[in-house]
PDB file of all heavy atoms in Angstrom:
ATOM      1  N   ARG A   1      47.387  -0.077  88.466  1.00  0.00           N
ATOM      2  CA  ARG A   1      46.223  -0.558  89.219  1.00  0.00           C
ATOM      3  C   ARG A   1      46.624  -1.713  90.127  1.00  0.00           C
ATOM      4  O   ARG A   1      46.163  -1.802  91.266  1.00  0.00           O
ATOM      5  CB  ARG A   1      45.132  -1.011  88.247  1.00  0.00           C
ATOM      6  CG  ARG A   1      43.840  -1.429  88.940  1.00  0.00           C
ATOM      7  CD  ARG A   1      42.803  -1.870  87.929  1.00  0.00           C
ATOM      8  NE  ARG A   1      42.433  -0.758  87.060  1.00  0.00           N
ATOM      9  CZ  ARG A   1      41.568  -0.878  86.047  1.00  0.00           C
ATOM     10  NH1 ARG A   1      41.031  -2.062  85.768  1.00  0.00           N
ATOM     11  NH2 ARG A   1      41.271   0.166  85.319  1.00  0.00           N
ATOM     12  N   ARG A   2      47.506  -2.587  89.616  1.00  0.00           N
ATOM     13  CA  ARG A   2      47.965  -3.720  90.408  1.00  0.00           C
ATOM     14  C   ARG A   2      48.733  -3.243  91.646  1.00  0.00           C
ATOM     15  O   ARG A   2      48.566  -3.781  92.746  1.00  0.00           O
ATOM     16  CB  ARG A   2      48.858  -4.616  89.539  1.00  0.00           C
ATOM     17  CG  ARG A   2      49.469  -5.801  90.260  1.00  0.00           C
ATOM     18  CD  ARG A   2      48.425  -6.816  90.646  1.00  0.00           C
ATOM     19  NE  ARG A   2      48.988  -7.897  91.434  1.00  0.00           N
ATOM     20  CZ  ARG A   2      48.284  -8.879  91.973  1.00  0.00           C
ATOM     21  NH1 ARG A   2      46.962  -8.899  91.833  1.00  0.00           N
ATOM     22  NH2 ARG A   2      48.864  -9.824  92.670  1.00  0.00           N
ATOM     23  N   PHE A   3      49.603  -2.216  91.453  1.00  0.00           N
ATOM     24  CA  PHE A   3      50.382  -1.694  92.558  1.00  0.00           C
ATOM     25  C   PHE A   3      49.477  -1.096  93.635  1.00  0.00           C
ATOM     26  O   PHE A   3      49.682  -1.330  94.832  1.00  0.00           O
ATOM     27  CB  PHE A   3      51.368  -0.632  92.039  1.00  0.00           C
ATOM     28  CG  PHE A   3      52.191   0.012  93.124  1.00  0.00           C
ATOM     29  CD1 PHE A   3      53.243  -0.662  93.711  1.00  0.00           C
ATOM     30  CD2 PHE A   3      51.871   1.297  93.573  1.00  0.00           C
ATOM     31  CE1 PHE A   3      53.994  -0.062  94.712  1.00  0.00           C
ATOM     32  CE2 PHE A   3      52.612   1.890  94.577  1.00  0.00           C
ATOM     33  CZ  PHE A   3      53.674   1.217  95.148  1.00  0.00           C
ATOM     34  N   VAL A   4      48.473  -0.319  93.204  1.00  0.00           N
ATOM     35  CA  VAL A   4      47.535   0.272  94.160  1.00  0.00           C
ATOM     36  C   VAL A   4      46.811  -0.817  94.937  1.00  0.00           C
ATOM     37  O   VAL A   4      46.622  -0.723  96.166  1.00  0.00           O
ATOM     38  CB  VAL A   4      46.530   1.195  93.435  1.00  0.00           C
ATOM     39  CG1 VAL A   4      45.431   1.672  94.407  1.00  0.00           C
ATOM     40  CG2 VAL A   4      47.233   2.389  92.818  1.00  0.00           C
ATOM     41  N   PHE A   5      46.406  -1.892  94.230  1.00  0.00           N
ATOM     42  CA  PHE A   5      45.723  -3.005  94.896  1.00  0.00           C
ATOM     43  C   PHE A   5      46.635  -3.648  95.940  1.00  0.00           C
ATOM     44  O   PHE A   5      46.207  -3.958  97.061  1.00  0.00           O
ATOM     45  CB  PHE A   5      45.282  -4.052  93.864  1.00  0.00           C
ATOM     46  CG  PHE A   5      44.693  -5.289  94.477  1.00  0.00           C
ATOM     47  CD1 PHE A   5      43.376  -5.320  94.922  1.00  0.00           C
ATOM     48  CD2 PHE A   5      45.476  -6.443  94.636  1.00  0.00           C
ATOM     49  CE1 PHE A   5      42.843  -6.462  95.508  1.00  0.00           C
ATOM     50  CE2 PHE A   5      44.948  -7.589  95.215  1.00  0.00           C
ATOM     51  CZ  PHE A   5      43.621  -7.596  95.646  1.00  0.00           C
ATOM     52  N   ASP A   6      47.934  -3.829  95.567  1.00  0.00           N
ATOM     53  CA  ASP A   6      48.879  -4.440  96.506  1.00  0.00           C
ATOM     54  C   ASP A   6      49.079  -3.565  97.743  1.00  0.00           C
ATOM     55  O   ASP A   6      49.197  -4.077  98.864  1.00  0.00           O
ATOM     56  CB  ASP A   6      50.226  -4.670  95.815  1.00  0.00           C
ATOM     57  CG  ASP A   6      50.185  -5.823  94.815  1.00  0.00           C
ATOM     58  OD1 ASP A   6      49.277  -6.673  94.948  1.00  0.00           O
ATOM     59  OD2 ASP A   6      51.039  -5.854  93.912  1.00  0.00           O
ATOM     60  N   VAL A   7      49.134  -2.243  97.541  1.00  0.00           N
ATOM     61  CA  VAL A   7      49.298  -1.332  98.674  1.00  0.00           C
ATOM     62  C   VAL A   7      48.084  -1.406  99.597  1.00  0.00           C
ATOM     63  O   VAL A   7      48.222  -1.518 100.825  1.00  0.00           O
ATOM     64  CB  VAL A   7      49.520   0.120  98.186  1.00  0.00           C
ATOM     65  CG1 VAL A   7      49.449   1.098  99.360  1.00  0.00           C
ATOM     66  CG2 VAL A   7      50.858   0.255  97.477  1.00  0.00           C
ATOM     67  N   VAL A   8      46.893  -1.334  99.017  1.00  0.00           N
ATOM     68  CA  VAL A   8      45.657  -1.389  99.820  1.00  0.00           C
ATOM     69  C   VAL A   8      45.573  -2.708 100.572  1.00  0.00           C
ATOM     70  O   VAL A   8      45.245  -2.745 101.775  1.00  0.00           O
ATOM     71  CB  VAL A   8      44.418  -1.188  98.921  1.00  0.00           C
ATOM     72  CG1 VAL A   8      43.131  -1.434  99.722  1.00  0.00           C
ATOM     73  CG2 VAL A   8      44.419   0.209  98.327  1.00  0.00           C
ATOM     74  N   GLU A   9      45.892  -3.790  99.895  1.00  0.00           N
ATOM     75  CA  GLU A   9      45.845  -5.108 100.524  1.00  0.00           C
ATOM     76  C   GLU A   9      46.905  -5.212 101.620  1.00  0.00           C
ATOM     77  O   GLU A   9      46.658  -5.778 102.696  1.00  0.00           O
ATOM     78  CB  GLU A   9      46.068  -6.200  99.469  1.00  0.00           C
ATOM     79  CG  GLU A   9      45.886  -7.623  99.968  1.00  0.00           C
ATOM     80  CD  GLU A   9      44.441  -7.943 100.347  1.00  0.00           C
ATOM     81  OE1 GLU A   9      43.538  -7.131 100.020  1.00  0.00           O
ATOM     82  OE2 GLU A   9      44.213  -8.996 100.978  1.00  0.00           O
ATOM     83  N   GLY A  10      48.100  -4.621 101.362  1.00  0.00           N
ATOM     84  CA  GLY A  10      49.154  -4.642 102.364  1.00  0.00           C
ATOM     85  C   GLY A  10      48.757  -3.868 103.607  1.00  0.00           C
ATOM     86  O   GLY A  10      49.042  -4.297 104.739  1.00  0.00           O
ATOM     87  N   VAL A  11      48.099  -2.729 103.407  1.00  0.00           N
ATOM     88  CA  VAL A  11      47.629  -1.933 104.548  1.00  0.00           C
ATOM     89  C   VAL A  11      46.608  -2.715 105.357  1.00  0.00           C
ATOM     90  O   VAL A  11      46.641  -2.739 106.591  1.00  0.00           O
ATOM     91  CB  VAL A  11      47.043  -0.587 104.068  1.00  0.00           C
ATOM     92  CG1 VAL A  11      46.332   0.136 105.216  1.00  0.00           C
ATOM     93  CG2 VAL A  11      48.122   0.301 103.478  1.00  0.00           C
ATOM     94  N   ARG A  12      45.687  -3.384 104.663  1.00  0.00           N
ATOM     95  CA  ARG A  12      44.635  -4.157 105.348  1.00  0.00           C
ATOM     96  C   ARG A  12      45.242  -5.273 106.195  1.00  0.00           C
ATOM     97  O   ARG A  12      44.902  -5.445 107.372  1.00  0.00           O
ATOM     98  CB  ARG A  12      43.664  -4.738 104.319  1.00  0.00           C
ATOM     99  CG  ARG A  12      42.469  -5.473 104.937  1.00  0.00           C
ATOM    100  CD  ARG A  12      41.614  -6.135 103.852  1.00  0.00           C
ATOM    101  NE  ARG A  12      42.334  -7.189 103.176  1.00  0.00           N
ATOM    102  CZ  ARG A  12      42.487  -8.421 103.658  1.00  0.00           C
ATOM    103  NH1 ARG A  12      41.986  -8.747 104.860  1.00  0.00           N
ATOM    104  NH2 ARG A  12      43.130  -9.335 102.971  1.00  0.00           N
ATOM    105  N   ILE A  13      46.166  -6.026 105.601  1.00  0.00           N
ATOM    106  CA  ILE A  13      46.795  -7.129 106.328  1.00  0.00           C
ATOM    107  C   ILE A  13      47.626  -6.603 107.500  1.00  0.00           C
ATOM    108  O   ILE A  13      47.617  -7.174 108.600  1.00  0.00           O
ATOM    109  CB  ILE A  13      47.677  -7.958 105.374  1.00  0.00           C
ATOM    110  CG1 ILE A  13      46.811  -8.632 104.294  1.00  0.00           C
ATOM    111  CG2 ILE A  13      48.468  -9.014 106.137  1.00  0.00           C
ATOM    112  CD1 ILE A  13      47.606  -9.310 103.192  1.00  0.00           C
ATOM    113  N   ALA A  14      48.354  -5.487 107.264  1.00  0.00           N
ATOM    114  CA  ALA A  14      49.191  -4.912 108.320  1.00  0.00           C
ATOM    115  C   ALA A  14      48.347  -4.444 109.499  1.00  0.00           C
ATOM    116  O   ALA A  14      48.700  -4.689 110.665  1.00  0.00           O
ATOM    117  CB  ALA A  14      50.002  -3.741 107.755  1.00  0.00           C
ATOM    118  N   VAL A  15      47.234  -3.772 109.225  1.00  0.00           N
ATOM    119  CA  VAL A  15      46.359  -3.293 110.297  1.00  0.00           C
ATOM    120  C   VAL A  15      45.797  -4.464 111.089  1.00  0.00           C
ATOM    121  O   VAL A  15      45.726  -4.418 112.330  1.00  0.00           O
ATOM    122  CB  VAL A  15      45.222  -2.416 109.719  1.00  0.00           C
ATOM    123  CG1 VAL A  15      44.158  -2.129 110.778  1.00  0.00           C
ATOM    124  CG2 VAL A  15      45.787  -1.112 109.167  1.00  0.00           C
ATOM    125  N   GLN A  16      45.400  -5.532 110.392  1.00  0.00           N
ATOM    126  CA  GLN A  16      44.886  -6.727 111.077  1.00  0.00           C
ATOM    127  C   GLN A  16      45.951  -7.332 111.986  1.00  0.00           C
ATOM    128  O   GLN A  16      45.667  -7.718 113.128  1.00  0.00           O
ATOM    129  CB  GLN A  16      44.423  -7.758 110.043  1.00  0.00           C
ATOM    130  CG  GLN A  16      43.121  -7.380 109.350  1.00  0.00           C
ATOM    131  CD  GLN A  16      42.726  -8.412 108.300  1.00  0.00           C
ATOM    132  OE1 GLN A  16      43.518  -9.274 107.915  1.00  0.00           O
ATOM    133  NE2 GLN A  16      41.475  -8.325 107.832  1.00  0.00           N
ATOM    134  N   ALA A  17      47.208  -7.419 111.467  1.00  0.00           N
ATOM    135  CA  ALA A  17      48.300  -8.016 112.255  1.00  0.00           C
ATOM    136  C   ALA A  17      48.619  -7.160 113.479  1.00  0.00           C
ATOM    137  O   ALA A  17      48.836  -7.685 114.577  1.00  0.00           O
ATOM    138  CB  ALA A  17      49.537  -8.179 111.374  1.00  0.00           C
ATOM    139  N   ILE A  18      48.628  -5.839 113.304  1.00  0.00           N
ATOM    140  CA  ILE A  18      48.921  -4.929 114.430  1.00  0.00           C
ATOM    141  C   ILE A  18      47.809  -4.999 115.463  1.00  0.00           C
ATOM    142  O   ILE A  18      48.054  -5.028 116.677  1.00  0.00           O
ATOM    143  CB  ILE A  18      49.116  -3.484 113.910  1.00  0.00           C
ATOM    144  CG1 ILE A  18      50.399  -3.396 113.076  1.00  0.00           C
ATOM    145  CG2 ILE A  18      49.166  -2.487 115.069  1.00  0.00           C
ATOM    146  CD1 ILE A  18      50.562  -2.093 112.318  1.00  0.00           C
ATOM    147  N   TRP A  19      46.561  -5.020 114.988  1.00  0.00           N
ATOM    148  CA  TRP A  19      45.418  -5.076 115.912  1.00  0.00           C
ATOM    149  C   TRP A  19      45.404  -6.393 116.685  1.00  0.00           C
ATOM    150  O   TRP A  19      45.011  -6.432 117.855  1.00  0.00           O
ATOM    151  CB  TRP A  19      44.121  -4.904 115.133  1.00  0.00           C
ATOM    152  CG  TRP A  19      42.905  -4.856 116.017  1.00  0.00           C
ATOM    153  CD1 TRP A  19      41.946  -5.822 116.162  1.00  0.00           C
ATOM    154  CD2 TRP A  19      42.537  -3.798 116.900  1.00  0.00           C
ATOM    155  NE1 TRP A  19      40.996  -5.434 117.060  1.00  0.00           N
ATOM    156  CE2 TRP A  19      41.331  -4.181 117.541  1.00  0.00           C
ATOM    157  CE3 TRP A  19      43.099  -2.558 117.216  1.00  0.00           C
ATOM    158  CZ2 TRP A  19      40.698  -3.383 118.474  1.00  0.00           C
ATOM    159  CZ3 TRP A  19      42.457  -1.761 118.135  1.00  0.00           C
ATOM    160  CH2 TRP A  19      41.273  -2.171 118.754  1.00  0.00           C
ATOM    161  N   ALA A  20      45.841  -7.477 116.029  1.00  0.00           N
ATOM    162  CA  ALA A  20      45.863  -8.776 116.699  1.00  0.00           C
ATOM    163  C   ALA A  20      46.923  -8.825 117.805  1.00  0.00           C
ATOM    164  O   ALA A  20      46.800  -9.604 118.754  1.00  0.00           O
ATOM    165  CB  ALA A  20      46.131  -9.885 115.674  1.00  0.00           C
ATOM    166  N   ASN A  21      47.942  -7.966 117.678  1.00  0.00           N
ATOM    167  CA  ASN A  21      48.999  -7.916 118.701  1.00  0.00           C
ATOM    168  C   ASN A  21      49.147  -6.467 119.192  1.00  0.00           C
ATOM    169  O   ASN A  21      50.205  -5.843 119.065  1.00  0.00           O
ATOM    170  CB  ASN A  21      50.334  -8.412 118.116  1.00  0.00           C
ATOM    171  CG  ASN A  21      50.252  -9.842 117.630  1.00  0.00           C
ATOM    172  OD1 ASN A  21      50.349 -10.777 118.416  1.00  0.00           O
ATOM    173  ND2 ASN A  21      50.083 -10.017 116.329  1.00  0.00           N
ATOM    174  N   ARG A  22      48.053  -5.939 119.736  1.00  0.00           N
ATOM    175  CA  ARG A  22      48.004  -4.511 120.085  1.00  0.00           C
ATOM    176  C   ARG A  22      49.062  -4.122 121.108  1.00  0.00           C
ATOM    177  O   ARG A  22      49.781  -3.150 120.932  1.00  0.00           O
ATOM    178  CB  ARG A  22      46.608  -4.157 120.621  1.00  0.00           C
ATOM    179  CG  ARG A  22      45.504  -4.316 119.597  1.00  0.00           C
ATOM    180  CD  ARG A  22      44.164  -3.848 120.142  1.00  0.00           C
ATOM    181  NE  ARG A  22      43.637  -4.746 121.179  1.00  0.00           N
ATOM    182  CZ  ARG A  22      42.977  -5.863 120.942  1.00  0.00           C
ATOM    183  NH1 ARG A  22      42.773  -6.251 119.686  1.00  0.00           N
ATOM    184  NH2 ARG A  22      42.511  -6.611 121.934  1.00  0.00           N
ATOM    185  N   MET A  23      49.136  -4.883 122.197  1.00  0.00           N
ATOM    186  CA  MET A  23      50.068  -4.519 123.261  1.00  0.00           C
ATOM    187  C   MET A  23      51.515  -4.608 122.784  1.00  0.00           C
ATOM    188  O   MET A  23      52.335  -3.728 123.076  1.00  0.00           O
ATOM    189  CB  MET A  23      49.856  -5.425 124.477  1.00  0.00           C
ATOM    190  CG  MET A  23      50.712  -5.045 125.682  1.00  0.00           C
ATOM    191  SD  MET A  23      50.468  -3.326 126.215  1.00  0.00           S
ATOM    192  CE  MET A  23      48.785  -3.441 126.847  1.00  0.00           C
ATOM    193  N   ARG A  24      51.825  -5.667 122.039  1.00  0.00           N
ATOM    194  CA  ARG A  24      53.187  -5.819 121.539  1.00  0.00           C
ATOM    195  C   ARG A  24      53.549  -4.682 120.592  1.00  0.00           C
ATOM    196  O   ARG A  24      54.652  -4.134 120.656  1.00  0.00           O
ATOM    197  CB  ARG A  24      53.308  -7.170 120.811  1.00  0.00           C
ATOM    198  CG  ARG A  24      54.732  -7.499 120.385  1.00  0.00           C
ATOM    199  CD  ARG A  24      54.820  -8.859 119.744  1.00  0.00           C
ATOM    200  NE  ARG A  24      54.205  -8.859 118.411  1.00  0.00           N
ATOM    201  CZ  ARG A  24      54.115  -9.949 117.650  1.00  0.00           C
ATOM    202  NH1 ARG A  24      54.543 -11.111 118.107  1.00  0.00           N
ATOM    203  NH2 ARG A  24      53.564  -9.878 116.452  1.00  0.00           N
ATOM    204  N   SER A  25      52.615  -4.325 119.729  1.00  0.00           N
ATOM    205  CA  SER A  25      52.871  -3.231 118.784  1.00  0.00           C
ATOM    206  C   SER A  25      53.064  -1.905 119.507  1.00  0.00           C
ATOM    207  O   SER A  25      53.938  -1.105 119.151  1.00  0.00           O
ATOM    208  CB  SER A  25      51.700  -3.116 117.797  1.00  0.00           C
ATOM    209  OG  SER A  25      51.536  -4.313 117.067  1.00  0.00           O
ATOM    210  N   LEU A  26      52.253  -1.672 120.553  1.00  0.00           N
ATOM    211  CA  LEU A  26      52.366  -0.422 121.311  1.00  0.00           C
ATOM    212  C   LEU A  26      53.715  -0.330 122.020  1.00  0.00           C
ATOM    213  O   LEU A  26      54.369   0.717 122.005  1.00  0.00           O
ATOM    214  CB  LEU A  26      51.228  -0.327 122.327  1.00  0.00           C
ATOM    215  CG  LEU A  26      51.167   0.968 123.157  1.00  0.00           C
ATOM    216  CD1 LEU A  26      50.938   2.169 122.248  1.00  0.00           C
ATOM    217  CD2 LEU A  26      50.059   0.887 124.198  1.00  0.00           C
ATOM    218  N   LEU A  27      54.136  -1.433 122.627  1.00  0.00           N
ATOM    219  CA  LEU A  27      55.427  -1.442 123.308  1.00  0.00           C
ATOM    220  C   LEU A  27      56.573  -1.260 122.314  1.00  0.00           C
ATOM    221  O   LEU A  27      57.594  -0.647 122.635  1.00  0.00           O
ATOM    222  CB  LEU A  27      55.606  -2.749 124.088  1.00  0.00           C
ATOM    223  CG  LEU A  27      54.657  -2.941 125.293  1.00  0.00           C
ATOM    224  CD1 LEU A  27      54.826  -4.328 125.885  1.00  0.00           C
ATOM    225  CD2 LEU A  27      54.913  -1.872 126.352  1.00  0.00           C
ATOM    226  N   THR A  28      56.391  -1.819 121.101  1.00  0.00           N
ATOM    227  CA  THR A  28      57.413  -1.676 120.061  1.00  0.00           C
ATOM    228  C   THR A  28      57.620  -0.218 119.689  1.00  0.00           C
ATOM    229  O   THR A  28      58.734   0.205 119.362  1.00  0.00           O
ATOM    230  CB  THR A  28      56.995  -2.479 118.810  1.00  0.00           C
ATOM    231  OG1 THR A  28      56.799  -3.841 119.177  1.00  0.00           O
ATOM    232  CG2 THR A  28      58.061  -2.391 117.730  1.00  0.00           C
ATOM    233  N   THR A  29      56.555   0.571 119.733  1.00  0.00           N
ATOM    234  CA  THR A  29      56.644   1.971 119.300  1.00  0.00           C
ATOM    235  C   THR A  29      57.243   2.892 120.364  1.00  0.00           C
ATOM    236  O   THR A  29      57.442   4.085 120.084  1.00  0.00           O
ATOM    237  CB  THR A  29      55.237   2.507 118.936  1.00  0.00           C
ATOM    238  OG1 THR A  29      54.410   2.491 120.111  1.00  0.00           O
ATOM    239  CG2 THR A  29      54.604   1.680 117.848  1.00  0.00           C
ATOM    240  N   LEU A  30      57.529   2.395 121.567  1.00  0.00           N
ATOM    241  CA  LEU A  30      58.003   3.279 122.640  1.00  0.00           C
ATOM    242  C   LEU A  30      59.268   4.043 122.249  1.00  0.00           C
ATOM    243  O   LEU A  30      59.391   5.246 122.511  1.00  0.00           O
ATOM    244  CB  LEU A  30      58.263   2.467 123.917  1.00  0.00           C
ATOM    245  CG  LEU A  30      57.030   2.132 124.758  1.00  0.00           C
ATOM    246  CD1 LEU A  30      57.426   1.286 125.958  1.00  0.00           C
ATOM    247  CD2 LEU A  30      56.323   3.412 125.209  1.00  0.00           C
ATOM    248  N   GLY A  31      60.212   3.343 121.623  1.00  0.00           N
ATOM    249  CA  GLY A  31      61.445   4.019 121.201  1.00  0.00           C
ATOM    250  C   GLY A  31      61.157   5.110 120.181  1.00  0.00           C
ATOM    251  O   GLY A  31      61.734   6.206 120.239  1.00  0.00           O
ATOM    252  N   VAL A  32      60.264   4.804 119.232  1.00  0.00           N
ATOM    253  CA  VAL A  32      59.889   5.800 118.222  1.00  0.00           C
ATOM    254  C   VAL A  32      59.179   6.976 118.887  1.00  0.00           C
ATOM    255  O   VAL A  32      59.420   8.141 118.551  1.00  0.00           O
ATOM    256  CB  VAL A  32      58.991   5.160 117.138  1.00  0.00           C
ATOM    257  CG1 VAL A  32      58.544   6.210 116.121  1.00  0.00           C
ATOM    258  CG2 VAL A  32      59.724   4.029 116.439  1.00  0.00           C
ATOM    259  N   ILE A  33      58.285   6.678 119.840  1.00  0.00           N
ATOM    260  CA  ILE A  33      57.562   7.745 120.554  1.00  0.00           C
ATOM    261  C   ILE A  33      58.546   8.680 121.251  1.00  0.00           C
ATOM    262  O   ILE A  33      58.447   9.909 121.137  1.00  0.00           O
ATOM    263  CB  ILE A  33      56.585   7.140 121.583  1.00  0.00           C
ATOM    264  CG1 ILE A  33      55.434   6.425 120.876  1.00  0.00           C
ATOM    265  CG2 ILE A  33      56.032   8.221 122.508  1.00  0.00           C
ATOM    266  CD1 ILE A  33      54.542   5.626 121.809  1.00  0.00           C
ATOM    267  N   ILE A  34      59.529   8.096 121.948  1.00  0.00           N
ATOM    268  CA  ILE A  34      60.519   8.914 122.661  1.00  0.00           C
ATOM    269  C   ILE A  34      61.307   9.772 121.669  1.00  0.00           C
ATOM    270  O   ILE A  34      61.544  10.961 121.904  1.00  0.00           O
ATOM    271  CB  ILE A  34      61.465   8.020 123.487  1.00  0.00           C
ATOM    272  CG1 ILE A  34      60.689   7.351 124.625  1.00  0.00           C
ATOM    273  CG2 ILE A  34      62.629   8.831 124.047  1.00  0.00           C
ATOM    274  CD1 ILE A  34      61.465   6.269 125.341  1.00  0.00           C
ATOM    275  N   GLY A  35      61.703   9.176 120.546  1.00  0.00           N
ATOM    276  CA  GLY A  35      62.452   9.927 119.539  1.00  0.00           C
ATOM    277  C   GLY A  35      61.644  11.065 118.950  1.00  0.00           C
ATOM    278  O   GLY A  35      62.151  12.185 118.792  1.00  0.00           O
ATOM    279  N   ILE A  36      60.370  10.803 118.624  1.00  0.00           N
ATOM    280  CA  ILE A  36      59.525  11.842 118.035  1.00  0.00           C
ATOM    281  C   ILE A  36      59.233  12.947 119.053  1.00  0.00           C
ATOM    282  O   ILE A  36      59.256  14.139 118.719  1.00  0.00           O
ATOM    283  CB  ILE A  36      58.209  11.230 117.506  1.00  0.00           C
ATOM    284  CG1 ILE A  36      58.504  10.306 116.317  1.00  0.00           C
ATOM    285  CG2 ILE A  36      57.228  12.326 117.090  1.00  0.00           C
ATOM    286  CD1 ILE A  36      59.172  10.996 115.141  1.00  0.00           C
ATOM    287  N   VAL A  37      58.976  12.573 120.298  1.00  0.00           N
ATOM    288  CA  VAL A  37      58.755  13.584 121.344  1.00  0.00           C
ATOM    289  C   VAL A  37      60.009  14.452 121.489  1.00  0.00           C
ATOM    290  O   VAL A  37      59.918  15.686 121.606  1.00  0.00           O
ATOM    291  CB  VAL A  37      58.393  12.919 122.687  1.00  0.00           C
ATOM    292  CG1 VAL A  37      58.458  13.925 123.825  1.00  0.00           C
ATOM    293  CG2 VAL A  37      56.996  12.312 122.621  1.00  0.00           C
ATOM    294  N   ALA A  38      61.180  13.813 121.465  1.00  0.00           N
ATOM    295  CA  ALA A  38      62.430  14.564 121.618  1.00  0.00           C
ATOM    296  C   ALA A  38      62.626  15.555 120.474  1.00  0.00           C
ATOM    297  O   ALA A  38      62.909  16.735 120.694  1.00  0.00           O
ATOM    298  CB  ALA A  38      63.614  13.606 121.695  1.00  0.00           C
ATOM    299  N   VAL A  39      62.437  15.084 119.223  1.00  0.00           N
ATOM    300  CA  VAL A  39      62.709  15.956 118.083  1.00  0.00           C
ATOM    301  C   VAL A  39      61.666  17.070 117.965  1.00  0.00           C
ATOM    302  O   VAL A  39      61.997  18.220 117.655  1.00  0.00           O
ATOM    303  CB  VAL A  39      62.800  15.135 116.772  1.00  0.00           C
ATOM    304  CG1 VAL A  39      61.447  14.616 116.326  1.00  0.00           C
ATOM    305  CG2 VAL A  39      63.423  15.975 115.659  1.00  0.00           C
ATOM    306  N   THR A  40      60.393  16.739 118.222  1.00  0.00           N
ATOM    307  CA  THR A  40      59.356  17.775 118.079  1.00  0.00           C
ATOM    308  C   THR A  40      59.404  18.783 119.222  1.00  0.00           C
ATOM    309  O   THR A  40      59.228  19.985 118.994  1.00  0.00           O
ATOM    310  CB  THR A  40      57.955  17.142 117.993  1.00  0.00           C
ATOM    311  OG1 THR A  40      57.770  16.223 119.085  1.00  0.00           O
ATOM    312  CG2 THR A  40      57.766  16.406 116.690  1.00  0.00           C
TER     313      THR A  40
END
């Protein structure tokens, strides 16, 4: 139960941090986007 709580809390904090820096997070994913587009 503790582990599940930590995961849920980690997801909540991570989403808040990503949303607070939306443009930076989007630009960070460009390399991943290119890689996924290439492989798929």
